[in-house]
Every structure is written in C-alpha cells, then in structure tokens.
Amino acid sequence: MITISEKAAAHVQHLRQKAGLDDAFGLRVSVNGGGCSGLTYHLDFDNENQPGDQVFEEKGVRLLVNLKSYLYLAGTELDFSDGLQGKGFHFANPNASRSCGCGESFAV
C-alpha cells in the first residue's frame, strides 16, 4: 500500500482544483530511471486506470501506481512540506537504501 499524509492530500486537492481538474483525476505516482541515485519519483494527474495499476484511495485522493513502480514504492508515504527548507512533496520510502541530498532520486 502507498499512503498520503493529510498535508500532502490537501495540497494535491489544491493543485487539482487550480488546474481545473475534477475528482475523476487521481494522482499517478511512478518511478523512472535517472537522477543521481539511479531512480526518480514522478507525480502527475491522470484520469484513466492502466492495466495492472494498483489503486489506493485515501483522504480524498486516488493514488494510481503502475505495477513496476509499485515494486519500488510499496509501504511508501507521500508527504508535503511548505517550510523554508525542503519545500515540496517528500517520499518516506522504506525500500530506498539511499537517496540523494535533494530527495528526488533514490536507490534500492
């Protein structure tokens, strides 16, 4: 399962509303190759489930994760910080053996 904090859920809903998207759009969470640690996180809005997607509904946000990405993300919590240092979405990923200083890439 992938979870989302209250703060991250509220920010996702704000961004969805700002983009003029309705509740049919969920947040697609995926992992791509790249970054200084080898794998990067990617977030985007999507309104279509793909074959093999893992779908989680929590705090009013539907999270869509393709099966390959889910292997890297199982147990992850998506959080959001609006502080002066580290503003943005953060992934608490128990599968990551290391991550880069900015938190945008990781390795397993």
N, C-alpha and C. Protein backbone atom coordinates (compact mmCIF):
# COMPACT_ATOMS: atom_id res chain seq x y z
N MET A 1 0.83 -1.18 0.00
CA MET A 1 0.00 0.00 0.00
C MET A 1 0.88 1.25 0.00
N ILE A 2 0.38 2.30 -0.58
CA ILE A 2 1.02 3.62 -0.54
C ILE A 2 0.06 4.54 0.21
N THR A 3 0.58 5.33 1.13
CA THR A 3 -0.27 6.24 1.90
C THR A 3 0.10 7.68 1.61
N ILE A 4 -0.78 8.57 2.02
CA ILE A 4 -0.57 10.01 1.80
C ILE A 4 -0.93 10.74 3.09
N SER A 5 -0.11 11.70 3.47
CA SER A 5 -0.37 12.47 4.69
C SER A 5 -1.51 13.46 4.44
N GLU A 6 -2.07 13.97 5.53
CA GLU A 6 -3.14 14.98 5.44
C GLU A 6 -2.66 16.20 4.66
N LYS A 7 -1.45 16.65 4.96
CA LYS A 7 -0.92 17.85 4.32
C LYS A 7 -0.71 17.62 2.81
N ALA A 8 -0.20 16.45 2.44
CA ALA A 8 0.01 16.14 1.02
C ALA A 8 -1.33 16.01 0.30
N ALA A 9 -2.30 15.37 0.94
CA ALA A 9 -3.63 15.22 0.33
C ALA A 9 -4.27 16.58 0.09
N ALA A 10 -4.17 17.48 1.06
CA ALA A 10 -4.74 18.82 0.90
C ALA A 10 -4.04 19.56 -0.24
N HIS A 11 -2.73 19.40 -0.37
CA HIS A 11 -2.00 20.10 -1.44
C HIS A 11 -2.34 19.51 -2.81
N VAL A 12 -2.50 18.19 -2.88
CA VAL A 12 -2.91 17.56 -4.15
C VAL A 12 -4.28 18.08 -4.57
N GLN A 13 -5.21 18.15 -3.63
CA GLN A 13 -6.55 18.65 -3.95
C GLN A 13 -6.49 20.11 -4.39
N HIS A 14 -5.65 20.91 -3.76
CA HIS A 14 -5.47 22.31 -4.15
C HIS A 14 -4.92 22.40 -5.58
N LEU A 15 -3.90 21.61 -5.89
CA LEU A 15 -3.30 21.63 -7.23
C LEU A 15 -4.29 21.16 -8.29
N ARG A 16 -5.07 20.13 -7.96
CA ARG A 16 -6.07 19.61 -8.89
C ARG A 16 -7.11 20.69 -9.19
N GLN A 17 -7.57 21.37 -8.16
CA GLN A 17 -8.56 22.45 -8.33
C GLN A 17 -7.97 23.61 -9.14
N LYS A 18 -6.74 23.99 -8.83
CA LYS A 18 -6.06 25.08 -9.53
C LYS A 18 -5.90 24.78 -11.02
N ALA A 19 -5.70 23.48 -11.35
CA ALA A 19 -5.55 23.06 -12.75
C ALA A 19 -6.90 22.88 -13.44
N GLY A 20 -8.00 23.06 -12.69
CA GLY A 20 -9.33 22.93 -13.28
C GLY A 20 -9.74 21.48 -13.53
N LEU A 21 -9.16 20.55 -12.77
CA LEU A 21 -9.46 19.13 -12.94
C LEU A 21 -10.51 18.70 -11.92
N ASP A 22 -11.39 17.79 -12.32
CA ASP A 22 -12.41 17.32 -11.39
C ASP A 22 -11.91 16.12 -10.59
N ASP A 23 -12.78 15.57 -9.74
CA ASP A 23 -12.40 14.47 -8.85
C ASP A 23 -12.11 13.17 -9.58
N ALA A 24 -12.40 13.10 -10.88
CA ALA A 24 -12.09 11.89 -11.66
C ALA A 24 -10.58 11.74 -11.84
N PHE A 25 -9.84 12.81 -11.63
CA PHE A 25 -8.38 12.77 -11.78
C PHE A 25 -7.73 12.37 -10.46
N GLY A 26 -6.96 11.31 -10.53
CA GLY A 26 -6.18 10.87 -9.39
C GLY A 26 -4.73 11.29 -9.58
N LEU A 27 -3.92 10.96 -8.59
CA LEU A 27 -2.50 11.29 -8.64
C LEU A 27 -1.74 10.03 -9.04
N ARG A 28 -1.09 10.08 -10.21
CA ARG A 28 -0.26 8.96 -10.66
C ARG A 28 1.13 9.13 -10.05
N VAL A 29 1.55 8.12 -9.30
CA VAL A 29 2.86 8.09 -8.65
C VAL A 29 3.68 7.02 -9.37
N SER A 30 4.84 7.39 -9.87
CA SER A 30 5.64 6.41 -10.61
C SER A 30 7.13 6.61 -10.32
N VAL A 31 7.89 5.61 -10.76
CA VAL A 31 9.34 5.62 -10.61
C VAL A 31 9.93 5.49 -12.01
N ASN A 32 10.89 6.34 -12.31
CA ASN A 32 11.59 6.30 -13.60
C ASN A 32 13.09 6.18 -13.35
N GLY A 33 13.81 5.66 -14.31
CA GLY A 33 15.26 5.61 -14.22
C GLY A 33 15.84 7.01 -14.36
N GLY A 34 16.89 7.31 -13.62
CA GLY A 34 17.55 8.61 -13.73
C GLY A 34 17.88 9.19 -12.38
N GLY A 35 18.34 10.40 -12.39
CA GLY A 35 18.73 11.08 -11.15
C GLY A 35 20.09 10.62 -10.68
N CYS A 36 20.60 11.28 -9.68
CA CYS A 36 21.96 10.97 -9.22
C CYS A 36 22.04 9.67 -8.42
N SER A 37 20.89 9.13 -7.98
CA SER A 37 20.91 7.87 -7.25
C SER A 37 20.39 6.70 -8.07
N GLY A 38 19.91 6.96 -9.29
CA GLY A 38 19.51 5.87 -10.17
C GLY A 38 18.03 5.80 -10.50
N LEU A 39 17.16 6.17 -9.55
CA LEU A 39 15.71 6.15 -9.77
C LEU A 39 15.11 7.46 -9.29
N THR A 40 14.11 7.95 -10.02
CA THR A 40 13.46 9.20 -9.63
C THR A 40 11.97 8.99 -9.45
N TYR A 41 11.38 9.81 -8.59
CA TYR A 41 9.94 9.81 -8.37
C TYR A 41 9.30 10.74 -9.40
N HIS A 42 8.08 10.39 -9.80
CA HIS A 42 7.35 11.23 -10.74
C HIS A 42 5.89 11.29 -10.30
N LEU A 43 5.32 12.49 -10.29
CA LEU A 43 3.92 12.71 -9.94
C LEU A 43 3.22 13.41 -11.09
N ASP A 44 1.99 12.99 -11.38
CA ASP A 44 1.20 13.63 -12.43
C ASP A 44 -0.27 13.28 -12.20
N PHE A 45 -1.16 14.11 -12.71
CA PHE A 45 -2.58 13.80 -12.63
C PHE A 45 -2.97 12.90 -13.79
N ASP A 46 -3.88 11.97 -13.52
CA ASP A 46 -4.34 11.02 -14.53
C ASP A 46 -5.78 10.63 -14.21
N ASN A 47 -6.59 10.48 -15.25
CA ASN A 47 -7.98 10.09 -15.02
C ASN A 47 -8.30 8.71 -15.60
N GLU A 48 -7.27 7.95 -15.97
CA GLU A 48 -7.50 6.61 -16.53
C GLU A 48 -6.62 5.58 -15.83
N ASN A 49 -7.28 4.50 -15.40
CA ASN A 49 -6.53 3.37 -14.86
C ASN A 49 -5.93 2.60 -16.02
N GLN A 50 -4.68 2.20 -15.88
CA GLN A 50 -4.00 1.38 -16.88
C GLN A 50 -4.03 -0.07 -16.41
N PRO A 51 -3.94 -1.04 -17.33
CA PRO A 51 -3.90 -2.44 -16.91
C PRO A 51 -2.74 -2.68 -15.94
N GLY A 52 -3.03 -3.35 -14.84
CA GLY A 52 -2.01 -3.65 -13.83
C GLY A 52 -1.83 -2.57 -12.77
N ASP A 53 -2.53 -1.43 -12.91
CA ASP A 53 -2.40 -0.37 -11.91
C ASP A 53 -2.84 -0.85 -10.53
N GLN A 54 -2.12 -0.41 -9.53
CA GLN A 54 -2.54 -0.56 -8.15
C GLN A 54 -3.21 0.77 -7.80
N VAL A 55 -4.40 0.73 -7.25
CA VAL A 55 -5.17 1.94 -6.96
C VAL A 55 -5.47 1.99 -5.47
N PHE A 56 -5.15 3.12 -4.86
CA PHE A 56 -5.40 3.34 -3.43
C PHE A 56 -6.18 4.63 -3.27
N GLU A 57 -7.17 4.63 -2.42
CA GLU A 57 -7.97 5.82 -2.14
C GLU A 57 -7.76 6.17 -0.68
N GLU A 58 -7.28 7.39 -0.44
CA GLU A 58 -7.02 7.80 0.93
C GLU A 58 -7.15 9.32 1.05
N LYS A 59 -7.86 9.75 2.06
CA LYS A 59 -8.01 11.18 2.38
C LYS A 59 -8.50 11.98 1.17
N GLY A 60 -9.41 11.38 0.39
CA GLY A 60 -9.99 12.07 -0.74
C GLY A 60 -9.13 12.11 -1.98
N VAL A 61 -8.01 11.38 -1.99
CA VAL A 61 -7.11 11.35 -3.15
C VAL A 61 -6.98 9.91 -3.63
N ARG A 62 -7.16 9.71 -4.93
CA ARG A 62 -6.95 8.40 -5.54
C ARG A 62 -5.52 8.36 -6.06
N LEU A 63 -4.75 7.38 -5.58
CA LEU A 63 -3.36 7.20 -5.99
C LEU A 63 -3.29 6.05 -6.99
N LEU A 64 -2.71 6.29 -8.16
CA LEU A 64 -2.56 5.29 -9.22
C LEU A 64 -1.08 4.97 -9.36
N VAL A 65 -0.76 3.68 -9.32
CA VAL A 65 0.64 3.26 -9.40
C VAL A 65 0.74 2.06 -10.33
N ASN A 66 1.59 2.16 -11.36
CA ASN A 66 1.77 1.00 -12.23
C ASN A 66 2.52 -0.08 -11.46
N LEU A 67 2.36 -1.32 -11.90
CA LEU A 67 2.89 -2.45 -11.15
C LEU A 67 4.41 -2.39 -10.98
N LYS A 68 5.13 -1.99 -12.02
CA LYS A 68 6.60 -1.91 -11.92
C LYS A 68 7.01 -0.89 -10.85
N SER A 69 6.37 0.27 -10.84
CA SER A 69 6.69 1.29 -9.84
C SER A 69 6.30 0.84 -8.44
N TYR A 70 5.19 0.10 -8.35
CA TYR A 70 4.73 -0.35 -7.03
C TYR A 70 5.77 -1.24 -6.35
N LEU A 71 6.52 -1.99 -7.13
CA LEU A 71 7.56 -2.83 -6.54
C LEU A 71 8.59 -2.00 -5.78
N TYR A 72 8.83 -0.78 -6.22
CA TYR A 72 9.77 0.13 -5.55
C TYR A 72 9.10 0.98 -4.47
N LEU A 73 7.77 1.14 -4.55
CA LEU A 73 7.07 2.09 -3.70
C LEU A 73 6.23 1.48 -2.59
N ALA A 74 6.09 0.17 -2.53
CA ALA A 74 5.25 -0.47 -1.52
C ALA A 74 5.66 0.01 -0.12
N GLY A 75 4.70 0.46 0.66
CA GLY A 75 4.96 0.93 2.01
C GLY A 75 5.35 2.39 2.11
N THR A 76 5.41 3.09 0.99
CA THR A 76 5.83 4.50 0.96
C THR A 76 4.72 5.43 1.44
N GLU A 77 5.09 6.49 2.14
CA GLU A 77 4.15 7.55 2.48
C GLU A 77 4.56 8.82 1.73
N LEU A 78 3.59 9.43 1.06
CA LEU A 78 3.80 10.70 0.37
C LEU A 78 3.44 11.81 1.34
N ASP A 79 4.36 12.74 1.54
CA ASP A 79 4.14 13.85 2.46
C ASP A 79 4.42 15.15 1.72
N PHE A 80 4.04 16.27 2.32
CA PHE A 80 4.29 17.58 1.73
C PHE A 80 4.78 18.53 2.81
N SER A 81 5.78 19.32 2.46
CA SER A 81 6.32 20.33 3.37
C SER A 81 6.31 21.67 2.67
N ASP A 82 5.87 22.70 3.39
CA ASP A 82 5.91 24.04 2.81
C ASP A 82 6.85 24.94 3.61
N GLY A 83 7.80 24.32 4.29
CA GLY A 83 8.78 25.07 5.08
C GLY A 83 9.82 25.74 4.20
N LEU A 84 10.69 26.49 4.83
CA LEU A 84 11.72 27.22 4.11
C LEU A 84 12.76 26.29 3.51
N GLN A 85 13.02 25.16 4.16
CA GLN A 85 13.97 24.19 3.64
C GLN A 85 13.22 22.93 3.24
N GLY A 86 13.43 22.47 2.04
CA GLY A 86 12.80 21.23 1.60
C GLY A 86 11.34 21.36 1.23
N LYS A 87 10.95 22.48 0.63
CA LYS A 87 9.57 22.68 0.24
C LYS A 87 9.18 21.73 -0.89
N GLY A 88 8.02 21.11 -0.78
CA GLY A 88 7.51 20.24 -1.83
C GLY A 88 7.11 18.87 -1.30
N PHE A 89 6.87 17.96 -2.23
CA PHE A 89 6.48 16.60 -1.87
C PHE A 89 7.72 15.81 -1.45
N HIS A 90 7.53 14.94 -0.47
CA HIS A 90 8.60 14.09 0.04
C HIS A 90 8.10 12.66 0.13
N PHE A 91 8.96 11.71 -0.17
CA PHE A 91 8.62 10.30 -0.14
C PHE A 91 9.36 9.63 1.02
N ALA A 92 8.61 9.05 1.95
CA ALA A 92 9.20 8.24 3.01
C ALA A 92 9.11 6.80 2.51
N ASN A 93 10.17 6.36 1.82
CA ASN A 93 10.19 5.08 1.14
C ASN A 93 11.05 4.07 1.91
N PRO A 94 10.41 3.06 2.52
CA PRO A 94 11.19 2.08 3.29
C PRO A 94 12.05 1.17 2.41
N ASN A 95 11.84 1.17 1.10
CA ASN A 95 12.60 0.33 0.18
C ASN A 95 13.89 0.99 -0.30
N ALA A 96 14.03 2.29 -0.08
CA ALA A 96 15.21 3.03 -0.56
C ALA A 96 16.39 2.75 0.36
N SER A 97 17.49 2.29 -0.24
CA SER A 97 18.70 2.06 0.54
C SER A 97 19.50 3.34 0.71
N ARG A 98 19.33 4.26 -0.24
CA ARG A 98 19.96 5.58 -0.15
C ARG A 98 19.20 6.53 -1.05
N SER A 99 19.36 7.81 -0.78
CA SER A 99 18.74 8.83 -1.63
C SER A 99 19.69 10.00 -1.76
N CYS A 100 19.42 10.83 -2.76
CA CYS A 100 20.29 11.99 -2.97
C CYS A 100 19.94 13.08 -1.97
N GLY A 101 20.74 14.10 -1.91
CA GLY A 101 20.55 15.18 -0.96
C GLY A 101 19.24 15.93 -1.15
N CYS A 102 18.76 16.04 -2.39
CA CYS A 102 17.52 16.78 -2.61
C CYS A 102 16.28 15.89 -2.42
N GLY A 103 16.46 14.58 -2.31
CA GLY A 103 15.34 13.69 -2.08
C GLY A 103 14.54 13.33 -3.32
N GLU A 104 15.01 13.73 -4.49
CA GLU A 104 14.27 13.46 -5.72
C GLU A 104 14.67 12.16 -6.39
N SER A 105 15.76 11.55 -5.95
CA SER A 105 16.14 10.26 -6.52
C SER A 105 16.58 9.33 -5.40
N PHE A 106 16.55 8.05 -5.71
CA PHE A 106 16.87 7.05 -4.68
C PHE A 106 17.42 5.79 -5.35
N ALA A 107 17.92 4.89 -4.53
CA ALA A 107 18.40 3.58 -4.99
C ALA A 107 17.84 2.53 -4.05
N VAL A 108 17.72 1.31 -4.57
CA VAL A 108 17.24 0.19 -3.73
C VAL A 108 18.33 -0.84 -3.62
